[in-house]
Every structure is written in structure tokens, then in C-alpha cells.
Amino acid sequence: MSRQTDVKEDKIDTRDTQSGLMENYTYNSPTLQLEGLNVSKDSTYPVFLFLFFSYLFIIVANVGIAFIVFIDKTLHQPMYLLFWNLSVNDIVGISIVPRLLIDMLRPPSERIISYYECVVQAFTTHMYSTTAHTVLMIMAFDRYVAICNPLRYAAIMTNKMLIKLTVSAWGVAFVLVGILLGLTIRLNRCRTFIRGLYCNNASLFKLSCESVFINNVYGLTFTVVLLSSSIGSMVLTYTKITVVCLTSKNKSLNSKALKTCSTHLVIYLIFLLSGMSIIILHRFPQLAESRKFVAILYHIIPGSLNPIIYGMQSKEIRRFLSQSFDSKKVLSSF
């Protein structure tokens, strides 16, 4: 009996050791598998080319706008310097596309990403979303001062104020997103499959088998505070601007306000609606593929339209481009 008992205990110990090894192997795995974009073979190359050329256009257009604003001293004005932040943020937002393109050419089983790369990707994704709101909020403040207090504009929007607004826009986003992902990184992981096109905070904390109550509370608070502050500041700013325009008889002021504010408002609405669409579609699991499509457009449409809308409406940027092309024509004629 004692020998049989010893044999049974040895078997149990062996099983416990084997299961322990398996847990160590899968627990907090350093590599994850991305679901990515699943398209048919016939659609792979058209979708790939669409994403590739969209990526190229966004990079070239936004780097071009940022470069023009940087080197042209006539554009060293608050409105253009704030728009420079938006171009830089669009470049950050489109950084997910190269990885997406590579994964499209791989079979699903080979779409492997390291955990730390996934965290960095989630950080850039949330920084893009948050900074877009904060930058658009300070741009709204700039338009408010320019239209409602034009005589004090130069005194208020000094270089020092501009630096403070820019640092606060990026700094607030960095802190909020840092806390968001810090709460997720502390969790132990027992899963390795990332559902979606790219890594984000929700997909990361869903890998954990621990309680994510704190993550959900902070994530919800973060979203509500950001959106309410963003929408509230826009409504308040444009209400005051509308009142000033309606009570003013200055046609040039009203024309300038309509031109600059309509541009800013269109960009804000595009970004807000595309972001809200993703949040709404998260509530419908059966629309997972539609959510992927909207998530791609969320990173492509604002980044594509921002340089077009602002660049084409700006006389200074159009003048710089026309002068550059004219000088090239003169040089090519020799």
C-alpha cells in the first residue's frame, strides 16, 4: 500500500510540475498574436495599395506643411504654429499603418508582435487621439482671442503663451495616456491574442485574467472628461464667436471669422465623428469587421484632410508653394 501511495504521489508531483511549466510558458508571454485585417485574396492588394498610398500622402503632406511652417518666417504666427502641432500629431497617428501593411502579407498565424512593441503602439494610438483633442481646443482658444479680442490678440498670444499652450496640450495628453497604460501594464497576462487591427489599451487589459475594474473606471472617466472638455470648449468658444459676429457690423471681421472658424470646425467634426463611430461600434460585437474599417479611416481621413483643408485655405501657404514652383520653373528653363 505504501509503495502504491508513493507512486501515486510521484505521478501527482510530476503532473503539478508539468502544469507549472506550462503556466510559466504561457503566463505573461513576451510575444502576442495580432488579429490584424482579414480580407479576401482578391481584395488584399487593392486594400494594401490604398493603405500604402494613403500613408505616403499623409506623411508627405504633413511633413511638407510642418517644414513650410518651420522655415517660412511669415508663418511664425500662433495659428500656423498651432497647426504645426496638428501635422506632427497626424504623423504620430499614421505610424500604425506600416505594421498593418506588413501583417496583411502574412498568414494570421505569423502576425506576431512583442508585448513591449504592442504597448508602444497602444501609447502612440492613444496619444494621437488625446493630443488631437487638446490641440484643437487650444486652436479654438486662439480663434476666440483673434475674433473676440482682436486689439489684445498680440498681447495675449505671445510666444510665451504659445509655448505654454503647446506644452500643456502635449503634456496633459502624455500624463493621461501614461496613467491609462500604467494601470494596464501592472496586470498579469494569461492570454496572447489581440483582437483588432492594432494594439490599444482595451485590447491589452483584456489579455489579463485579473480584475480590470480600476482600468474600466479610469478609462471611462478619461473618455468622459476628455470629450466633455473638448465639446464644451468648442460650444462655448463658437457661441461667443457667433454672438460677436452677429452683433458686429464689420464685414471683414465676419468674413475672416467665417473662413478660419469653418476650417477649424470642419476638422474638429471630422475627428470627433470618426472617433465616436469607433466607440459606438464597440457596443456591437457583431459589427467587428465594420469597426476595423472605421478604425482605419479614423487614422487616415483626419490626417489626409487636415493639410488639404488648412493648406489650401491659407494664402501664406499657397503663396509659399507657388513661389517654390515658380523658382523651380525658372531654374529648369536654364
Protein backbone atom coordinates (compact mmCIF):
# COMPACT_ATOMS: atom_id res chain seq x y z
CA MET A 1 0.00 0.00 0.00
CA SER A 2 2.81 2.40 0.89
CA ARG A 3 4.56 1.74 -2.42
CA GLN A 4 1.33 2.36 -4.37
CA THR A 5 0.76 5.57 -2.43
CA ASP A 6 4.33 6.74 -3.18
CA VAL A 7 3.84 6.02 -6.89
CA LYS A 8 0.57 7.97 -6.93
CA GLU A 9 2.21 10.91 -5.14
CA ASP A 10 5.10 10.85 -7.62
CA LYS A 11 2.60 10.94 -10.51
CA ILE A 12 0.75 13.86 -8.95
CA ASP A 13 4.01 15.74 -8.37
CA THR A 14 5.02 15.13 -11.98
CA ARG A 15 1.69 16.45 -13.27
CA ASP A 16 1.92 19.50 -10.99
CA THR A 17 5.43 20.21 -12.23
CA GLN A 18 4.36 19.85 -15.87
CA SER A 19 1.33 22.11 -15.40
CA GLY A 20 3.54 24.62 -13.59
CA LEU A 21 5.95 24.64 -16.52
CA MET A 22 3.06 25.20 -18.92
CA GLU A 23 1.79 28.13 -16.82
CA ASN A 24 5.24 29.68 -16.78
CA TYR A 25 5.42 29.28 -20.52
CA THR A 26 2.06 30.97 -21.28
CA TYR A 27 1.82 33.32 -18.32
CA ASN A 28 2.98 36.88 -19.17
CA SER A 29 4.11 35.75 -22.61
CA PRO A 30 6.65 38.18 -24.17
CA THR A 31 5.00 37.76 -27.58
CA LEU A 32 1.40 38.29 -28.69
CA GLN A 33 -0.59 37.45 -31.79
CA LEU A 34 -2.44 40.23 -33.65
CA GLU A 35 -5.72 39.52 -35.39
CA GLY A 36 -4.99 42.21 -37.97
CA LEU A 37 -7.03 42.89 -41.09
CA ASN A 38 -8.68 39.84 -42.63
CA VAL A 39 -9.54 40.38 -46.28
CA SER A 40 -10.11 38.02 -49.19
CA LYS A 41 -7.24 37.17 -51.55
CA ASP A 42 -8.83 39.25 -54.32
CA SER A 43 -9.07 42.29 -52.04
CA THR A 44 -5.64 42.03 -50.41
CA TYR A 45 -3.65 44.00 -52.97
CA PRO A 46 -6.27 46.74 -53.64
CA VAL A 47 -6.60 47.35 -49.87
CA PHE A 48 -2.82 47.17 -49.47
CA LEU A 49 -2.28 49.78 -52.21
CA PHE A 50 -4.99 52.04 -50.80
CA LEU A 51 -3.38 51.98 -47.33
CA PHE A 52 0.13 52.34 -48.76
CA PHE A 53 -0.65 55.41 -50.89
CA SER A 54 -2.77 56.93 -48.11
CA TYR A 55 0.20 56.52 -45.77
CA LEU A 56 2.57 58.11 -48.29
CA PHE A 57 0.22 61.04 -48.89
CA ILE A 58 -0.28 61.73 -45.17
CA ILE A 59 3.45 61.58 -44.46
CA VAL A 60 4.43 63.78 -47.43
CA ALA A 61 1.60 66.31 -46.92
CA ASN A 62 2.04 66.70 -43.16
CA VAL A 63 5.83 66.70 -43.22
CA GLY A 64 5.62 69.25 -46.03
CA ILE A 65 3.24 71.52 -44.10
CA ALA A 66 5.35 71.21 -40.93
CA PHE A 67 8.51 72.02 -42.93
CA ILE A 68 6.91 75.06 -44.62
CA VAL A 69 5.69 76.47 -41.30
CA PHE A 70 9.13 75.87 -39.77
CA ILE A 71 11.23 77.60 -42.46
CA ASP A 72 8.89 80.40 -43.59
CA LYS A 73 9.13 83.24 -41.07
CA THR A 74 5.89 84.82 -42.31
CA LEU A 75 4.10 81.72 -41.00
CA HIS A 76 5.53 82.08 -37.49
CA GLN A 77 2.12 83.14 -36.23
CA PRO A 78 0.12 81.44 -33.45
CA MET A 79 -2.48 79.94 -35.81
CA TYR A 80 0.12 78.27 -38.05
CA LEU A 81 2.39 77.21 -35.20
CA LEU A 82 -0.59 75.53 -33.53
CA PHE A 83 -1.48 73.87 -36.82
CA TRP A 84 2.13 72.61 -36.93
CA ASN A 85 1.29 70.59 -33.80
CA LEU A 86 -1.67 69.06 -35.59
CA SER A 87 0.54 67.98 -38.51
CA VAL A 88 3.06 66.38 -36.14
CA ASN A 89 0.22 64.58 -34.37
CA ASP A 90 -1.13 63.25 -37.69
CA ILE A 91 2.32 61.77 -38.40
CA VAL A 92 2.19 60.06 -34.98
CA GLY A 93 -1.29 58.72 -35.71
CA ILE A 94 -0.41 57.16 -39.07
CA SER A 95 2.55 55.27 -37.55
CA ILE A 96 0.35 52.17 -37.09
CA VAL A 97 -0.02 51.66 -40.86
CA PRO A 98 3.44 50.16 -41.71
CA ARG A 99 2.88 47.33 -39.23
CA LEU A 100 -0.63 46.82 -40.60
CA LEU A 101 0.69 46.60 -44.16
CA ILE A 102 3.32 44.02 -43.21
CA ASP A 103 0.75 41.89 -41.37
CA MET A 104 -1.58 41.93 -44.38
CA LEU A 105 1.03 39.98 -46.37
CA ARG A 106 1.46 37.41 -43.60
CA PRO A 107 -0.82 34.48 -42.73
CA PRO A 108 -2.79 35.07 -39.48
CA SER A 109 -0.64 32.61 -37.52
CA GLU A 110 2.52 34.65 -38.26
CA ARG A 111 1.21 38.05 -37.13
CA ILE A 112 3.37 38.08 -34.01
CA ILE A 113 4.20 41.23 -32.05
CA SER A 114 6.25 41.62 -28.88
CA TYR A 115 4.42 42.79 -25.77
CA TYR A 116 6.56 45.93 -25.44
CA GLU A 117 6.05 46.86 -29.11
CA CYS A 118 2.32 46.40 -28.52
CA VAL A 119 2.46 48.77 -25.51
CA VAL A 120 4.33 51.39 -27.59
CA GLN A 121 1.74 51.05 -30.37
CA ALA A 122 -1.09 51.48 -27.86
CA PHE A 123 0.65 54.54 -26.40
CA THR A 124 1.04 56.23 -29.82
CA THR A 125 -2.58 55.41 -30.72
CA HIS A 126 -3.99 56.99 -27.55
CA MET A 127 -1.55 59.91 -27.72
CA TYR A 128 -2.80 60.63 -31.24
CA SER A 129 -6.44 60.63 -30.15
CA THR A 130 -5.92 62.66 -26.97
CA THR A 131 -3.49 65.21 -28.42
CA ALA A 132 -5.79 65.87 -31.37
CA HIS A 133 -8.49 67.00 -28.92
CA THR A 134 -6.15 69.10 -26.78
CA VAL A 135 -4.52 70.79 -29.81
CA LEU A 136 -7.90 71.55 -31.38
CA MET A 137 -9.02 73.03 -28.04
CA ILE A 138 -6.10 75.46 -27.88
CA MET A 139 -6.64 76.30 -31.56
CA ALA A 140 -10.23 77.20 -30.67
CA PHE A 141 -8.91 79.46 -27.89
CA ASP A 142 -6.62 81.15 -30.43
CA ARG A 143 -9.57 81.82 -32.78
CA TYR A 144 -11.64 83.14 -29.87
CA VAL A 145 -8.97 85.67 -28.87
CA ALA A 146 -8.37 86.71 -32.51
CA ILE A 147 -12.05 87.40 -33.20
CA CYS A 148 -13.45 88.47 -29.81
CA ASN A 149 -10.39 90.43 -28.61
CA PRO A 150 -8.54 91.45 -31.80
CA LEU A 151 -6.90 94.51 -30.22
CA ARG A 152 -5.41 92.44 -27.42
CA TYR A 153 -4.51 89.44 -29.58
CA ALA A 154 -0.79 90.27 -29.86
CA ALA A 155 -0.58 90.94 -26.11
CA ILE A 156 -2.32 87.68 -25.17
CA MET A 157 -0.94 85.25 -27.77
CA THR A 158 2.72 85.93 -27.10
CA ASN A 159 5.49 83.39 -27.76
CA LYS A 160 5.48 82.57 -24.05
CA MET A 161 1.73 81.88 -24.10
CA LEU A 162 2.14 79.80 -27.26
CA ILE A 163 4.80 77.64 -25.62
CA LYS A 164 2.59 77.20 -22.54
CA LEU A 165 -0.40 76.13 -24.65
CA THR A 166 1.67 73.71 -26.75
CA VAL A 167 3.37 72.13 -23.72
CA SER A 168 0.04 71.81 -21.92
CA ALA A 169 -1.62 70.18 -24.96
CA TRP A 170 1.08 67.51 -25.28
CA GLY A 171 1.81 67.29 -21.54
CA VAL A 172 -1.80 66.68 -20.48
CA ALA A 173 -2.17 64.01 -23.16
CA PHE A 174 1.10 62.34 -22.09
CA VAL A 175 0.09 62.20 -18.41
CA LEU A 176 -3.46 60.95 -19.07
CA VAL A 177 -2.33 58.25 -21.50
CA GLY A 178 0.63 57.33 -19.29
CA ILE A 179 -1.70 56.63 -16.35
CA LEU A 180 -4.12 54.75 -18.63
CA LEU A 181 -1.42 52.34 -19.84
CA GLY A 182 0.36 52.25 -16.47
CA LEU A 183 -2.77 50.71 -14.93
CA THR A 184 -2.78 48.09 -17.71
CA ILE A 185 0.92 47.20 -17.59
CA ARG A 186 0.63 46.30 -13.88
CA LEU A 187 -1.76 43.43 -14.75
CA ASN A 188 -0.55 39.86 -15.27
CA ARG A 189 -1.45 38.34 -18.63
CA CYS A 190 -2.88 34.88 -19.27
CA ARG A 191 -3.89 35.36 -22.91
CA THR A 192 -1.87 36.16 -26.01
CA PHE A 193 -4.41 37.01 -28.73
CA ILE A 194 -5.04 40.68 -29.58
CA ARG A 195 -8.41 41.24 -31.22
CA GLY A 196 -8.41 44.14 -33.65
CA LEU A 197 -6.17 45.83 -36.18
CA TYR A 198 -3.64 47.20 -33.74
CA CYS A 199 -2.86 47.33 -30.04
CA ASN A 200 -4.78 49.69 -27.77
CA ASN A 201 -5.46 49.88 -24.06
CA ALA A 202 -8.68 47.84 -24.16
CA SER A 203 -7.12 45.01 -26.17
CA LEU A 204 -4.16 44.90 -23.74
CA PHE A 205 -6.10 44.71 -20.47
CA LYS A 206 -8.40 42.07 -21.99
CA LEU A 207 -5.35 39.78 -22.00
CA SER A 208 -5.47 39.69 -18.20
CA CYS A 209 -7.41 37.22 -16.04
CA GLU A 210 -7.32 39.63 -13.10
CA SER A 211 -9.92 42.23 -12.17
CA VAL A 212 -9.90 45.20 -14.57
CA PHE A 213 -12.44 47.25 -12.61
CA ILE A 214 -9.96 50.11 -11.97
CA ASN A 215 -9.00 50.13 -15.66
CA ASN A 216 -12.64 50.38 -16.73
CA VAL A 217 -13.39 53.16 -14.24
CA TYR A 218 -10.33 55.22 -15.22
CA GLY A 219 -10.86 54.58 -18.93
CA LEU A 220 -14.49 55.70 -18.73
CA THR A 221 -13.59 58.76 -16.62
CA PHE A 222 -10.75 59.62 -19.01
CA THR A 223 -13.06 59.43 -22.05
CA VAL A 224 -15.90 61.39 -20.43
CA VAL A 225 -13.61 64.16 -19.13
CA LEU A 226 -11.75 64.49 -22.45
CA LEU A 227 -14.87 64.54 -24.64
CA SER A 228 -16.88 66.80 -22.32
CA SER A 229 -13.97 69.26 -22.07
CA SER A 230 -13.41 69.16 -25.82
CA ILE A 231 -17.06 69.50 -26.86
CA GLY A 232 -17.77 72.01 -24.06
CA SER A 233 -14.89 74.27 -25.05
CA MET A 234 -15.95 74.17 -28.71
CA VAL A 235 -19.58 75.00 -27.92
CA LEU A 236 -18.58 77.84 -25.57
CA THR A 237 -15.97 79.27 -27.96
CA TYR A 238 -18.15 79.19 -31.06
CA THR A 239 -21.18 80.52 -29.19
CA LYS A 240 -19.18 83.60 -28.15
CA ILE A 241 -17.71 83.98 -31.66
CA THR A 242 -21.21 83.73 -33.19
CA VAL A 243 -22.53 86.40 -30.81
CA VAL A 244 -19.66 88.74 -31.72
CA CYS A 245 -20.19 88.19 -35.45
CA LEU A 246 -23.95 88.76 -35.22
CA THR A 247 -23.57 91.99 -33.23
CA SER A 248 -20.66 93.29 -35.31
CA LYS A 249 -21.16 95.32 -38.49
CA ASN A 250 -17.57 94.79 -39.58
CA LYS A 251 -17.87 92.70 -42.77
CA SER A 252 -14.14 91.97 -42.99
CA LEU A 253 -14.16 90.63 -39.41
CA ASN A 254 -17.17 88.41 -40.14
CA SER A 255 -15.57 87.14 -43.35
CA LYS A 256 -12.30 86.30 -41.57
CA ALA A 257 -14.19 84.61 -38.74
CA LEU A 258 -16.25 82.52 -41.17
CA LYS A 259 -13.16 81.43 -43.10
CA THR A 260 -10.89 80.49 -40.19
CA CYS A 261 -13.58 79.10 -37.89
CA SER A 262 -15.29 76.98 -40.55
CA THR A 263 -11.93 75.36 -41.35
CA HIS A 264 -11.25 74.58 -37.70
CA LEU A 265 -14.81 73.38 -37.06
CA VAL A 266 -14.85 71.05 -40.08
CA ILE A 267 -11.58 69.40 -38.96
CA TYR A 268 -12.90 69.04 -35.41
CA LEU A 269 -16.21 67.49 -36.53
CA ILE A 270 -14.43 65.02 -38.83
CA PHE A 271 -12.19 63.88 -36.00
CA LEU A 272 -14.99 63.78 -33.41
CA LEU A 273 -17.45 61.84 -35.59
CA SER A 274 -14.87 59.27 -36.71
CA GLY A 275 -13.78 58.74 -33.09
CA MET A 276 -17.36 58.49 -31.81
CA SER A 277 -18.15 55.91 -34.51
CA ILE A 278 -15.48 53.57 -33.10
CA ILE A 279 -16.82 53.99 -29.54
CA ILE A 280 -20.40 53.24 -30.69
CA LEU A 281 -19.37 50.21 -32.77
CA HIS A 282 -17.57 48.73 -29.73
CA ARG A 283 -21.06 48.13 -28.29
CA PHE A 284 -21.94 45.84 -31.21
CA PRO A 285 -19.62 42.77 -31.33
CA GLN A 286 -21.37 41.50 -34.47
CA LEU A 287 -20.03 44.56 -36.33
CA ALA A 288 -16.38 43.75 -35.60
CA GLU A 289 -15.30 43.98 -39.26
CA SER A 290 -17.10 47.31 -39.70
CA ARG A 291 -15.30 48.60 -36.61
CA LYS A 292 -11.97 47.65 -38.17
CA PHE A 293 -12.83 49.60 -41.32
CA VAL A 294 -13.85 52.67 -39.29
CA ALA A 295 -10.68 52.34 -37.16
CA ILE A 296 -8.56 52.55 -40.32
CA LEU A 297 -10.45 55.61 -41.55
CA TYR A 298 -10.05 57.20 -38.10
CA HIS A 299 -6.29 57.33 -38.69
CA ILE A 300 -6.44 58.12 -42.43
CA ILE A 301 -9.24 60.66 -43.00
CA PRO A 302 -8.22 63.39 -40.48
CA GLY A 303 -4.55 63.07 -41.42
CA SER A 304 -5.40 63.36 -45.13
CA LEU A 305 -7.87 66.23 -44.86
CA ASN A 306 -6.03 68.41 -42.32
CA PRO A 307 -3.22 69.53 -44.68
CA ILE A 308 -5.68 69.91 -47.59
CA ILE A 309 -8.24 72.00 -45.69
CA TYR A 310 -5.75 74.19 -43.82
CA GLY A 311 -3.13 74.26 -46.57
CA MET A 312 -5.49 75.23 -49.38
CA GLN A 313 -7.33 77.84 -47.30
CA SER A 314 -4.13 79.56 -46.18
CA LYS A 315 -2.98 82.35 -48.51
CA GLU A 316 0.51 82.28 -46.97
CA ILE A 317 0.99 78.54 -47.56
CA ARG A 318 -0.39 78.80 -51.12
CA ARG A 319 1.93 81.73 -51.79
CA PHE A 320 4.95 79.80 -50.49
CA LEU A 321 4.09 76.80 -52.70
CA SER A 322 3.51 78.96 -55.78
CA GLN A 323 6.82 80.76 -55.23
CA SER A 324 8.61 77.44 -54.83
CA PHE A 325 7.12 76.08 -58.07
CA ASP A 326 7.86 79.33 -59.93
CA SER A 327 11.51 79.23 -58.81
CA LYS A 328 11.77 75.61 -59.97
CA LYS A 329 10.36 76.56 -63.38
CA VAL A 330 12.90 79.37 -63.70
CA LEU A 331 15.78 77.03 -62.77
CA SER A 332 14.57 74.33 -65.16
CA SER A 333 14.40 76.84 -68.05
CA PHE A 334 18.15 77.48 -67.76
